Amino acid sequence: MDRSFAPSRRGFLRLGVSAAALSTLSTGSAPLAAASSFDPPGPPRDPWLGLKMGIATYTFSKLKTDAAIEGIKRVDLHYCSIKDAHLPLKSTREERQAVAKLFKAAGITPLSCGNISPGKDETAIREKFEYAKDAGIPTIVCTPDKATLPILDKMVREYDIKIAIHNHGPEDKLWPSPYDVWEAVQSYDPRVGLCIDVGHTARAGVDPVESIRKCSARLHDVHIKDISDNSAGSKSKPVELGRGVLDLHGILQALLDIKFAGHLGLEFEKNLNDPIPGTCESIGYLKGVLSGMKTA
């Protein structure tokens, strides 16, 4: 299929209606047999095409840990980035290990934690690396001061834990776009890298697709979302994926092309008090987009 094809929400609906119409042509077990004849031989197709699609649990930050885990299971995802609402920074090693065990027992692998502030001195920063180490988490998504980058460089070498500096758009005076991070980390260990938030990136006037490709060598985590507007000076609002203005097809294609191996986390912020419906819709939309794509 042509990679330039970007399925629309209306197109998905037409596909669903067509499938329903086919099923009415027969009765009994015949529809199942007919459906199976379209399945290619071999193992089932991975709907994520190798991407480690998960949830940034900030999406479920108003839910308790057990409910957040159930929410991730409900959309059949197997990775996450844990927010401190579910893995408190002020916790013991045993408590951190217990939380990580809960996620893993549910078939969910924590690939990162954060977003967190790592602190301003070596003692505070070391505490965050111990936090990640205790929970068995390989990447810390964070927003450090530029002056602490030499300490962070030392810590990634000592702990072999990556850091992914998160950009926060035009309001962020330190890290508005991925390129601000990219330029600042070039002299440090490659484990000092980026978490690209595609929504904040677009609001900063930067093309998320282009930034993913240009920063791929140090891209350790991605927050995927959609926004209502990315024009200059706009007051953009978070929306369900596919209802906004971001080029989600292009973003996914860029991640496939660079063979992105880090956590790709949905961060759905529209309704933190009732996030499950929007999360389900957003994950379904992404699956629909990927169904018409191929790996490089």
C-alpha atoms as a PDB file:
ATOM      1  CA  MET A   1       0.000   0.000   0.000  1.00  0.00           C
ATOM      2  CA  ASP A   2       1.201   3.505  -0.761  1.00  0.00           C
ATOM      3  CA  ARG A   3       2.742   4.990   2.385  1.00  0.00           C
ATOM      4  CA  SER A   4       1.351   8.383   1.482  1.00  0.00           C
ATOM      5  CA  PHE A   5      -2.139   7.079   2.176  1.00  0.00           C
ATOM      6  CA  ALA A   6      -3.400   8.518   5.473  1.00  0.00           C
ATOM      7  CA  PRO A   7      -6.719   6.895   6.427  1.00  0.00           C
ATOM      8  CA  SER A   8      -9.361   9.306   7.644  1.00  0.00           C
ATOM      9  CA  ARG A   9     -11.746   8.744  10.524  1.00  0.00           C
ATOM     10  CA  ARG A  10     -14.568   8.584   7.936  1.00  0.00           C
ATOM     11  CA  GLY A  11     -12.571   5.988   6.008  1.00  0.00           C
ATOM     12  CA  PHE A  12     -12.306   3.786   9.087  1.00  0.00           C
ATOM     13  CA  LEU A  13     -16.067   4.063   9.509  1.00  0.00           C
ATOM     14  CA  ARG A  14     -16.639   2.987   5.902  1.00  0.00           C
ATOM     15  CA  LEU A  15     -14.354   0.009   6.430  1.00  0.00           C
ATOM     16  CA  GLY A  16     -16.321  -0.954   9.535  1.00  0.00           C
ATOM     17  CA  VAL A  17     -19.634  -0.657   7.696  1.00  0.00           C
ATOM     18  CA  SER A  18     -18.302  -2.749   4.813  1.00  0.00           C
ATOM     19  CA  ALA A  19     -17.188  -5.485   7.189  1.00  0.00           C
ATOM     20  CA  ALA A  20     -20.592  -5.473   8.851  1.00  0.00           C
ATOM     21  CA  ALA A  21     -22.307  -5.718   5.463  1.00  0.00           C
ATOM     22  CA  LEU A  22     -20.213  -8.726   4.500  1.00  0.00           C
ATOM     23  CA  SER A  23     -21.173 -10.511   7.691  1.00  0.00           C
ATOM     24  CA  THR A  24     -24.893 -10.192   6.828  1.00  0.00           C
ATOM     25  CA  LEU A  25     -24.485 -12.095   3.591  1.00  0.00           C
ATOM     26  CA  SER A  26     -24.278 -15.412   5.436  1.00  0.00           C
ATOM     27  CA  THR A  27     -25.635 -16.965   8.605  1.00  0.00           C
ATOM     28  CA  GLY A  28     -24.354 -19.421  11.155  1.00  0.00           C
ATOM     29  CA  SER A  29     -20.616 -20.100  11.077  1.00  0.00           C
ATOM     30  CA  ALA A  30     -20.101 -18.976   7.485  1.00  0.00           C
ATOM     31  CA  PRO A  31     -19.113 -15.357   8.324  1.00  0.00           C
ATOM     32  CA  LEU A  32     -16.289 -16.606  10.526  1.00  0.00           C
ATOM     33  CA  ALA A  33     -15.007 -18.883   7.792  1.00  0.00           C
ATOM     34  CA  ALA A  34     -15.187 -16.072   5.261  1.00  0.00           C
ATOM     35  CA  ALA A  35     -13.330 -13.699   7.556  1.00  0.00           C
ATOM     36  CA  SER A  36     -10.568 -16.218   8.175  1.00  0.00           C
ATOM     37  CA  SER A  37      -9.981 -16.608   4.431  1.00  0.00           C
ATOM     38  CA  PHE A  38      -8.645 -13.044   4.353  1.00  0.00           C
ATOM     39  CA  ASP A  39      -6.055 -13.691   7.049  1.00  0.00           C
ATOM     40  CA  PRO A  40      -2.499 -14.115   5.706  1.00  0.00           C
ATOM     41  CA  PRO A  41      -0.683 -17.334   6.608  1.00  0.00           C
ATOM     42  CA  GLY A  42       1.694 -17.354   9.556  1.00  0.00           C
ATOM     43  CA  PRO A  43       1.580 -15.571  12.920  1.00  0.00           C
ATOM     44  CA  PRO A  44      -0.879 -12.708  13.505  1.00  0.00           C
ATOM     45  CA  ARG A  45       0.262  -9.297  12.291  1.00  0.00           C
ATOM     46  CA  ASP A  46       1.611  -7.047  15.045  1.00  0.00           C
ATOM     47  CA  PRO A  47      -0.760  -4.041  14.977  1.00  0.00           C
ATOM     48  CA  TRP A  48       2.099  -1.800  16.187  1.00  0.00           C
ATOM     49  CA  LEU A  49       4.613  -2.972  13.535  1.00  0.00           C
ATOM     50  CA  GLY A  50       7.327  -3.373  16.157  1.00  0.00           C
ATOM     51  CA  LEU A  51       6.760  -0.035  17.924  1.00  0.00           C
ATOM     52  CA  LYS A  52       6.671  -0.297  21.724  1.00  0.00           C
ATOM     53  CA  MET A  53       3.305   1.424  22.036  1.00  0.00           C
ATOM     54  CA  GLY A  54       2.221   2.142  25.585  1.00  0.00           C
ATOM     55  CA  ILE A  55       0.761   4.725  27.937  1.00  0.00           C
ATOM     56  CA  ALA A  56       2.368   7.618  29.766  1.00  0.00           C
ATOM     57  CA  THR A  57       0.495   6.999  33.003  1.00  0.00           C
ATOM     58  CA  TYR A  58       0.079  10.733  33.514  1.00  0.00           C
ATOM     59  CA  THR A  59      -2.982   9.974  31.374  1.00  0.00           C
ATOM     60  CA  PHE A  60      -4.363   8.066  34.391  1.00  0.00           C
ATOM     61  CA  SER A  61      -2.845  10.305  37.065  1.00  0.00           C
ATOM     62  CA  LYS A  62      -6.213  10.811  38.779  1.00  0.00           C
ATOM     63  CA  LEU A  63      -6.650   7.023  39.053  1.00  0.00           C
ATOM     64  CA  LYS A  64      -5.086   4.794  41.671  1.00  0.00           C
ATOM     65  CA  THR A  65      -2.371   2.410  40.550  1.00  0.00           C
ATOM     66  CA  ASP A  66      -4.638  -0.644  40.283  1.00  0.00           C
ATOM     67  CA  ALA A  67      -7.150   1.310  38.182  1.00  0.00           C
ATOM     68  CA  ALA A  68      -4.375   2.683  35.956  1.00  0.00           C
ATOM     69  CA  ILE A  69      -3.132  -0.841  35.312  1.00  0.00           C
ATOM     70  CA  GLU A  70      -6.659  -1.959  34.427  1.00  0.00           C
ATOM     71  CA  GLY A  71      -6.949   0.992  32.037  1.00  0.00           C
ATOM     72  CA  ILE A  72      -3.777  -0.040  30.215  1.00  0.00           C
ATOM     73  CA  LYS A  73      -4.980  -3.632  30.011  1.00  0.00           C
ATOM     74  CA  ARG A  74      -8.342  -2.453  28.662  1.00  0.00           C
ATOM     75  CA  VAL A  75      -6.682  -1.043  25.554  1.00  0.00           C
ATOM     76  CA  ASP A  76      -4.431  -4.108  25.262  1.00  0.00           C
ATOM     77  CA  LEU A  77      -1.099  -2.304  25.618  1.00  0.00           C
ATOM     78  CA  HIS A  78       1.978  -3.837  27.189  1.00  0.00           C
ATOM     79  CA  TYR A  79       4.318  -0.919  27.899  1.00  0.00           C
ATOM     80  CA  CYS A  80       4.179   2.234  29.993  1.00  0.00           C
ATOM     81  CA  SER A  81       6.010   5.252  31.299  1.00  0.00           C
ATOM     82  CA  ILE A  82       5.185   5.508  35.001  1.00  0.00           C
ATOM     83  CA  LYS A  83       4.278   8.852  36.544  1.00  0.00           C
ATOM     84  CA  ASP A  84       5.033   9.459  40.214  1.00  0.00           C
ATOM     85  CA  ALA A  85       1.291   9.386  40.926  1.00  0.00           C
ATOM     86  CA  HIS A  86       1.649   5.614  40.564  1.00  0.00           C
ATOM     87  CA  LEU A  87       5.285   5.216  41.632  1.00  0.00           C
ATOM     88  CA  PRO A  88       5.917   7.863  44.308  1.00  0.00           C
ATOM     89  CA  LEU A  89       9.346   9.452  44.366  1.00  0.00           C
ATOM     90  CA  LYS A  90       9.224   9.373  48.156  1.00  0.00           C
ATOM     91  CA  SER A  91       9.093   5.612  48.465  1.00  0.00           C
ATOM     92  CA  THR A  92      11.316   2.802  49.646  1.00  0.00           C
ATOM     93  CA  ARG A  93      13.166   0.362  47.438  1.00  0.00           C
ATOM     94  CA  GLU A  94      10.720  -2.350  48.461  1.00  0.00           C
ATOM     95  CA  GLU A  95       7.727  -0.168  47.583  1.00  0.00           C
ATOM     96  CA  ARG A  96       9.185   0.653  44.171  1.00  0.00           C
ATOM     97  CA  GLN A  97       9.874  -2.986  43.445  1.00  0.00           C
ATOM     98  CA  ALA A  98       6.339  -3.894  44.519  1.00  0.00           C
ATOM     99  CA  VAL A  99       4.771  -1.352  42.134  1.00  0.00           C
ATOM    100  CA  ALA A 100       6.945  -2.527  39.252  1.00  0.00           C
ATOM    101  CA  LYS A 101       5.913  -6.095  40.047  1.00  0.00           C
ATOM    102  CA  LEU A 102       2.221  -5.125  39.821  1.00  0.00           C
ATOM    103  CA  PHE A 103       2.692  -3.741  36.322  1.00  0.00           C
ATOM    104  CA  LYS A 104       4.755  -6.689  35.139  1.00  0.00           C
ATOM    105  CA  ALA A 105       2.290  -9.205  36.593  1.00  0.00           C
ATOM    106  CA  ALA A 106      -0.358  -7.545  34.409  1.00  0.00           C
ATOM    107  CA  GLY A 107       1.822  -7.988  31.318  1.00  0.00           C
ATOM    108  CA  ILE A 108       2.936  -4.335  31.261  1.00  0.00           C
ATOM    109  CA  THR A 109       6.638  -3.479  31.067  1.00  0.00           C
ATOM    110  CA  PRO A 110       7.673  -0.068  32.445  1.00  0.00           C
ATOM    111  CA  LEU A 111      10.119   1.375  29.908  1.00  0.00           C
ATOM    112  CA  SER A 112      10.484   4.829  31.430  1.00  0.00           C
ATOM    113  CA  CYS A 113       9.389   7.004  34.332  1.00  0.00           C
ATOM    114  CA  GLY A 114       8.509  10.660  34.585  1.00  0.00           C
ATOM    115  CA  ASN A 115       8.275  13.379  33.666  1.00  0.00           C
ATOM    116  CA  ILE A 116      10.240  14.371  36.785  1.00  0.00           C
ATOM    117  CA  SER A 117      12.564  17.145  37.885  1.00  0.00           C
ATOM    118  CA  PRO A 118      15.917  15.486  38.628  1.00  0.00           C
ATOM    119  CA  GLY A 119      17.094  18.130  41.080  1.00  0.00           C
ATOM    120  CA  LYS A 120      19.891  20.683  41.190  1.00  0.00           C
ATOM    121  CA  ASP A 121      22.738  18.818  42.891  1.00  0.00           C
ATOM    122  CA  GLU A 122      24.378  15.412  42.728  1.00  0.00           C
ATOM    123  CA  THR A 123      22.631  14.074  45.833  1.00  0.00           C
ATOM    124  CA  ALA A 124      19.154  14.871  44.516  1.00  0.00           C
ATOM    125  CA  ILE A 125      19.968  13.592  41.040  1.00  0.00           C
ATOM    126  CA  ARG A 126      21.413  10.357  42.403  1.00  0.00           C
ATOM    127  CA  GLU A 127      18.148   9.773  44.281  1.00  0.00           C
ATOM    128  CA  LYS A 128      16.258   9.815  40.963  1.00  0.00           C
ATOM    129  CA  PHE A 129      18.635   7.298  39.421  1.00  0.00           C
ATOM    130  CA  GLU A 130      18.255   5.046  42.476  1.00  0.00           C
ATOM    131  CA  TYR A 131      14.490   5.399  42.082  1.00  0.00           C
ATOM    132  CA  ALA A 132      14.640   4.172  38.488  1.00  0.00           C
ATOM    133  CA  LYS A 133      17.163   1.459  39.319  1.00  0.00           C
ATOM    134  CA  ASP A 134      15.016   0.102  42.167  1.00  0.00           C
ATOM    135  CA  ALA A 135      12.026  -0.217  39.825  1.00  0.00           C
ATOM    136  CA  GLY A 136      14.090  -1.696  36.985  1.00  0.00           C
ATOM    137  CA  ILE A 137      13.284   1.215  34.664  1.00  0.00           C
ATOM    138  CA  PRO A 138      15.820   1.917  31.882  1.00  0.00           C
ATOM    139  CA  THR A 139      14.946   5.547  31.028  1.00  0.00           C
ATOM    140  CA  ILE A 140      14.145   8.670  33.066  1.00  0.00           C
ATOM    141  CA  VAL A 141      12.031  11.312  31.334  1.00  0.00           C
ATOM    142  CA  CYS A 142      13.000  14.609  32.933  1.00  0.00           C
ATOM    143  CA  THR A 143      13.316  18.389  32.732  1.00  0.00           C
ATOM    144  CA  PRO A 144      16.737  19.302  34.136  1.00  0.00           C
ATOM    145  CA  ASP A 145      18.517  22.610  34.427  1.00  0.00           C
ATOM    146  CA  LYS A 146      21.236  22.986  31.810  1.00  0.00           C
ATOM    147  CA  ALA A 147      23.829  23.439  34.559  1.00  0.00           C
ATOM    148  CA  THR A 148      23.186  19.880  35.770  1.00  0.00           C
ATOM    149  CA  LEU A 149      23.931  18.190  32.443  1.00  0.00           C
ATOM    150  CA  PRO A 150      27.519  17.267  33.477  1.00  0.00           C
ATOM    151  CA  ILE A 151      26.141  15.511  36.567  1.00  0.00           C
ATOM    152  CA  LEU A 152      23.516  13.717  34.512  1.00  0.00           C
ATOM    153  CA  ASP A 153      26.226  12.641  32.090  1.00  0.00           C
ATOM    154  CA  LYS A 154      28.148  11.138  35.015  1.00  0.00           C
ATOM    155  CA  MET A 155      25.046   9.329  36.283  1.00  0.00           C
ATOM    156  CA  VAL A 156      24.038   7.745  32.972  1.00  0.00           C
ATOM    157  CA  ARG A 157      27.531   6.280  32.764  1.00  0.00           C
ATOM    158  CA  GLU A 158      27.468   5.009  36.333  1.00  0.00           C
ATOM    159  CA  TYR A 159      23.948   3.543  36.294  1.00  0.00           C
ATOM    160  CA  ASP A 160      23.581   2.747  32.578  1.00  0.00           C
ATOM    161  CA  ILE A 161      20.168   4.421  32.705  1.00  0.00           C
ATOM    162  CA  LYS A 162      19.188   6.818  29.927  1.00  0.00           C
ATOM    163  CA  ILE A 163      17.691  10.242  30.425  1.00  0.00           C
ATOM    164  CA  ALA A 164      15.168  11.694  27.985  1.00  0.00           C
ATOM    165  CA  ILE A 165      14.818  15.464  28.299  1.00  0.00           C
ATOM    166  CA  HIS A 166      11.215  16.484  27.665  1.00  0.00           C
ATOM    167  CA  ASN A 167      10.408  19.627  25.675  1.00  0.00           C
ATOM    168  CA  HIS A 168       7.367  21.645  26.774  1.00  0.00           C
ATOM    169  CA  GLY A 169       6.613  24.147  24.037  1.00  0.00           C
ATOM    170  CA  PRO A 170       6.852  27.928  23.808  1.00  0.00           C
ATOM    171  CA  GLU A 171       6.174  28.510  27.525  1.00  0.00           C
ATOM    172  CA  ASP A 172       9.272  26.480  28.454  1.00  0.00           C
ATOM    173  CA  LYS A 173      12.236  28.832  28.689  1.00  0.00           C
ATOM    174  CA  LEU A 174      14.785  26.001  28.773  1.00  0.00           C
ATOM    175  CA  TRP A 175      13.509  23.285  26.455  1.00  0.00           C
ATOM    176  CA  PRO A 176      10.726  24.611  24.155  1.00  0.00           C
ATOM    177  CA  SER A 177      11.579  22.341  21.219  1.00  0.00           C
ATOM    178  CA  PRO A 178      13.531  19.116  20.634  1.00  0.00           C
ATOM    179  CA  TYR A 179      16.256  21.095  18.889  1.00  0.00           C
ATOM    180  CA  ASP A 180      17.011  22.994  22.101  1.00  0.00           C
ATOM    181  CA  VAL A 181      17.684  19.654  23.770  1.00  0.00           C
ATOM    182  CA  TRP A 182      19.570  18.264  20.777  1.00  0.00           C
ATOM    183  CA  GLU A 183      21.999  21.179  20.686  1.00  0.00           C
ATOM    184  CA  ALA A 184      22.613  21.102  24.440  1.00  0.00           C
ATOM    185  CA  VAL A 185      23.445  17.398  24.749  1.00  0.00           C
ATOM    186  CA  GLN A 186      25.851  16.891  21.837  1.00  0.00           C
ATOM    187  CA  SER A 187      29.001  16.818  23.982  1.00  0.00           C
ATOM    188  CA  TYR A 188      27.610  14.224  26.389  1.00  0.00           C
ATOM    189  CA  ASP A 189      27.162  10.462  26.420  1.00  0.00           C
ATOM    190  CA  PRO A 190      24.567   9.258  23.855  1.00  0.00           C
ATOM    191  CA  ARG A 191      22.417   8.048  26.756  1.00  0.00           C
ATOM    192  CA  VAL A 192      21.743  11.733  27.480  1.00  0.00           C
ATOM    193  CA  GLY A 193      18.932  12.311  24.998  1.00  0.00           C
ATOM    194  CA  LEU A 194      15.373  13.376  24.266  1.00  0.00           C
ATOM    195  CA  CYS A 195      11.748  12.698  24.920  1.00  0.00           C
ATOM    196  CA  ILE A 196       9.946  14.379  22.038  1.00  0.00           C
ATOM    197  CA  ASP A 197       6.450  15.507  22.933  1.00  0.00           C
ATOM    198  CA  VAL A 198       4.849  15.902  19.514  1.00  0.00           C
ATOM    199  CA  GLY A 199       2.143  18.290  20.717  1.00  0.00           C
ATOM    200  CA  HIS A 200       4.503  20.706  22.472  1.00  0.00           C
ATOM    201  CA  THR A 201       6.898  20.415  19.537  1.00  0.00           C
ATOM    202  CA  ALA A 202       4.221  21.570  17.087  1.00  0.00           C
ATOM    203  CA  ARG A 203       3.199  24.405  19.415  1.00  0.00           C
ATOM    204  CA  ALA A 204       6.836  25.550  19.435  1.00  0.00           C
ATOM    205  CA  GLY A 205       6.663  25.947  15.652  1.00  0.00           C
ATOM    206  CA  VAL A 206       8.710  22.825  14.914  1.00  0.00           C
ATOM    207  CA  ASP A 207       7.616  19.969  12.655  1.00  0.00           C
ATOM    208  CA  PRO A 208       7.404  16.840  14.850  1.00  0.00           C
ATOM    209  CA  VAL A 209       8.089  14.546  11.883  1.00  0.00           C
ATOM    210  CA  GLU A 210      11.246  16.392  10.940  1.00  0.00           C
ATOM    211  CA  SER A 211      12.475  16.548  14.545  1.00  0.00           C
ATOM    212  CA  ILE A 212      12.013  12.787  15.010  1.00  0.00           C
ATOM    213  CA  ARG A 213      14.166  12.128  11.967  1.00  0.00           C
ATOM    214  CA  LYS A 214      16.838  14.699  12.821  1.00  0.00           C
ATOM    215  CA  CYS A 215      17.136  13.710  16.491  1.00  0.00           C
ATOM    216  CA  SER A 216      16.828   9.945  16.019  1.00  0.00           C
ATOM    217  CA  ALA A 217      20.324   9.153  17.334  1.00  0.00           C
ATOM    218  CA  ARG A 218      19.388  10.381  20.816  1.00  0.00           C
ATOM    219  CA  LEU A 219      15.642   9.814  20.809  1.00  0.00           C
ATOM    220  CA  HIS A 220      14.852   7.660  23.852  1.00  0.00           C
ATOM    221  CA  ASP A 221      11.137   8.322  24.458  1.00  0.00           C
ATOM    222  CA  VAL A 222       8.154   9.870  22.646  1.00  0.00           C
ATOM    223  CA  HIS A 223       4.875  11.300  23.941  1.00  0.00           C
ATOM    224  CA  ILE A 224       2.226  11.054  21.252  1.00  0.00           C
ATOM    225  CA  LYS A 225      -0.953  13.144  21.385  1.00  0.00           C
ATOM    226  CA  ASP A 226      -3.101  15.389  19.221  1.00  0.00           C
ATOM    227  CA  ILE A 227      -3.979  19.065  19.588  1.00  0.00           C
ATOM    228  CA  SER A 228      -6.788  21.264  18.316  1.00  0.00           C
ATOM    229  CA  ASP A 229      -4.597  24.002  16.793  1.00  0.00           C
ATOM    230  CA  ASN A 230      -0.900  24.619  16.205  1.00  0.00           C
ATOM    231  CA  SER A 231      -1.019  28.093  14.691  1.00  0.00           C
ATOM    232  CA  ALA A 232       1.123  30.836  16.199  1.00  0.00           C
ATOM    233  CA  GLY A 233      -0.388  32.335  19.315  1.00  0.00           C
ATOM    234  CA  SER A 234      -3.188  29.785  19.491  1.00  0.00           C
ATOM    235  CA  LYS A 235      -4.533  28.376  22.745  1.00  0.00           C
ATOM    236  CA  SER A 236      -4.439  24.786  21.612  1.00  0.00           C
ATOM    237  CA  LYS A 237      -6.346  22.132  23.523  1.00  0.00           C
ATOM    238  CA  PRO A 238      -5.638  18.396  23.751  1.00  0.00           C
ATOM    239  CA  VAL A 239      -8.041  16.215  21.784  1.00  0.00           C
ATOM    240  CA  GLU A 240      -8.504  12.558  20.943  1.00  0.00           C
ATOM    241  CA  LEU A 241      -5.979  11.320  18.383  1.00  0.00           C
ATOM    242  CA  GLY A 242      -7.290  11.908  14.881  1.00  0.00           C
ATOM    243  CA  ARG A 243      -9.554  14.798  15.886  1.00  0.00           C
ATOM    244  CA  GLY A 244      -6.794  17.408  15.811  1.00  0.00           C
ATOM    245  CA  VAL A 245      -4.236  18.885  13.451  1.00  0.00           C
ATOM    246  CA  LEU A 246      -1.093  16.782  13.916  1.00  0.00           C
ATOM    247  CA  ASP A 247       0.252  14.598  11.118  1.00  0.00           C
ATOM    248  CA  LEU A 248      -0.017  11.329  13.029  1.00  0.00           C
ATOM    249  CA  HIS A 249       0.561   9.268   9.891  1.00  0.00           C
ATOM    250  CA  GLY A 250       3.809  11.124   9.250  1.00  0.00           C
ATOM    251  CA  ILE A 251       4.883  10.819  12.882  1.00  0.00           C
ATOM    252  CA  LEU A 252       4.309   7.064  12.904  1.00  0.00           C
ATOM    253  CA  GLN A 253       6.058   6.639   9.557  1.00  0.00           C
ATOM    254  CA  ALA A 254       9.088   8.554  10.834  1.00  0.00           C
ATOM    255  CA  LEU A 255       9.259   6.330  13.927  1.00  0.00           C
ATOM    256  CA  LEU A 256       9.029   3.215  11.764  1.00  0.00           C
ATOM    257  CA  ASP A 257      11.681   4.516   9.360  1.00  0.00           C
ATOM    258  CA  ILE A 258      14.214   5.202  12.150  1.00  0.00           C
ATOM    259  CA  LYS A 259      13.321   1.855  13.774  1.00  0.00           C
ATOM    260  CA  PHE A 260      12.509   3.610  17.019  1.00  0.00           C
ATOM    261  CA  ALA A 261      13.095   1.199  19.913  1.00  0.00           C
ATOM    262  CA  GLY A 262      12.097   3.364  22.879  1.00  0.00           C
ATOM    263  CA  HIS A 263       8.741   3.856  24.550  1.00  0.00           C
ATOM    264  CA  LEU A 264       6.011   5.434  22.425  1.00  0.00           C
ATOM    265  CA  GLY A 265       3.531   6.612  25.022  1.00  0.00           C
ATOM    266  CA  LEU A 266       0.050   7.984  24.525  1.00  0.00           C
ATOM    267  CA  GLU A 267      -0.345  11.039  26.741  1.00  0.00           C
ATOM    268  CA  PHE A 268      -4.040  11.865  26.645  1.00  0.00           C
ATOM    269  CA  GLU A 269      -4.720  15.011  28.674  1.00  0.00           C
ATOM    270  CA  LYS A 270      -8.189  16.080  27.572  1.00  0.00           C
ATOM    271  CA  ASN A 271     -10.096  14.649  30.510  1.00  0.00           C
ATOM    272  CA  LEU A 272      -7.937  13.375  33.360  1.00  0.00           C
ATOM    273  CA  ASN A 273     -11.019  12.730  35.487  1.00  0.00           C
ATOM    274  CA  ASP A 274     -12.443  10.291  32.914  1.00  0.00           C
ATOM    275  CA  PRO A 275      -9.595   9.301  30.581  1.00  0.00           C
ATOM    276  CA  ILE A 276     -10.655   5.802  29.518  1.00  0.00           C
ATOM    277  CA  PRO A 277     -13.074   6.659  26.649  1.00  0.00           C
ATOM    278  CA  GLY A 278     -10.654   9.058  24.958  1.00  0.00           C
ATOM    279  CA  THR A 279      -7.781   6.659  25.503  1.00  0.00           C
ATOM    280  CA  CYS A 280      -9.709   3.827  23.840  1.00  0.00           C
ATOM    281  CA  GLU A 281     -10.650   6.023  20.882  1.00  0.00           C
ATOM    282  CA  SER A 282      -7.088   7.285  20.466  1.00  0.00           C
ATOM    283  CA  ILE A 283      -5.503   3.842  20.564  1.00  0.00           C
ATOM    284  CA  GLY A 284      -8.076   2.530  18.103  1.00  0.00           C
ATOM    285  CA  TYR A 285      -7.317   5.392  15.744  1.00  0.00           C
ATOM    286  CA  LEU A 286      -3.576   4.718  15.859  1.00  0.00           C
ATOM    287  CA  LYS A 287      -4.169   1.055  15.087  1.00  0.00           C
ATOM    288  CA  GLY A 288      -6.253   2.086  12.118  1.00  0.00           C
ATOM    289  CA  VAL A 289      -3.525   4.354  10.763  1.00  0.00           C
ATOM    290  CA  LEU A 290      -0.852   1.675  11.197  1.00  0.00           C
ATOM    291  CA  SER A 291      -3.014  -0.943   9.504  1.00  0.00           C
ATOM    292  CA  GLY A 292      -2.335   0.760   6.187  1.00  0.00           C
ATOM    293  CA  MET A 293       1.415   1.172   6.727  1.00  0.00           C
ATOM    294  CA  LYS A 294       4.532  -0.955   6.321  1.00  0.00           C
ATOM    295  CA  THR A 295       7.894  -1.035   8.038  1.00  0.00           C
ATOM    296  CA  ALA A 296      10.918   0.286   6.202  1.00  0.00           C
END
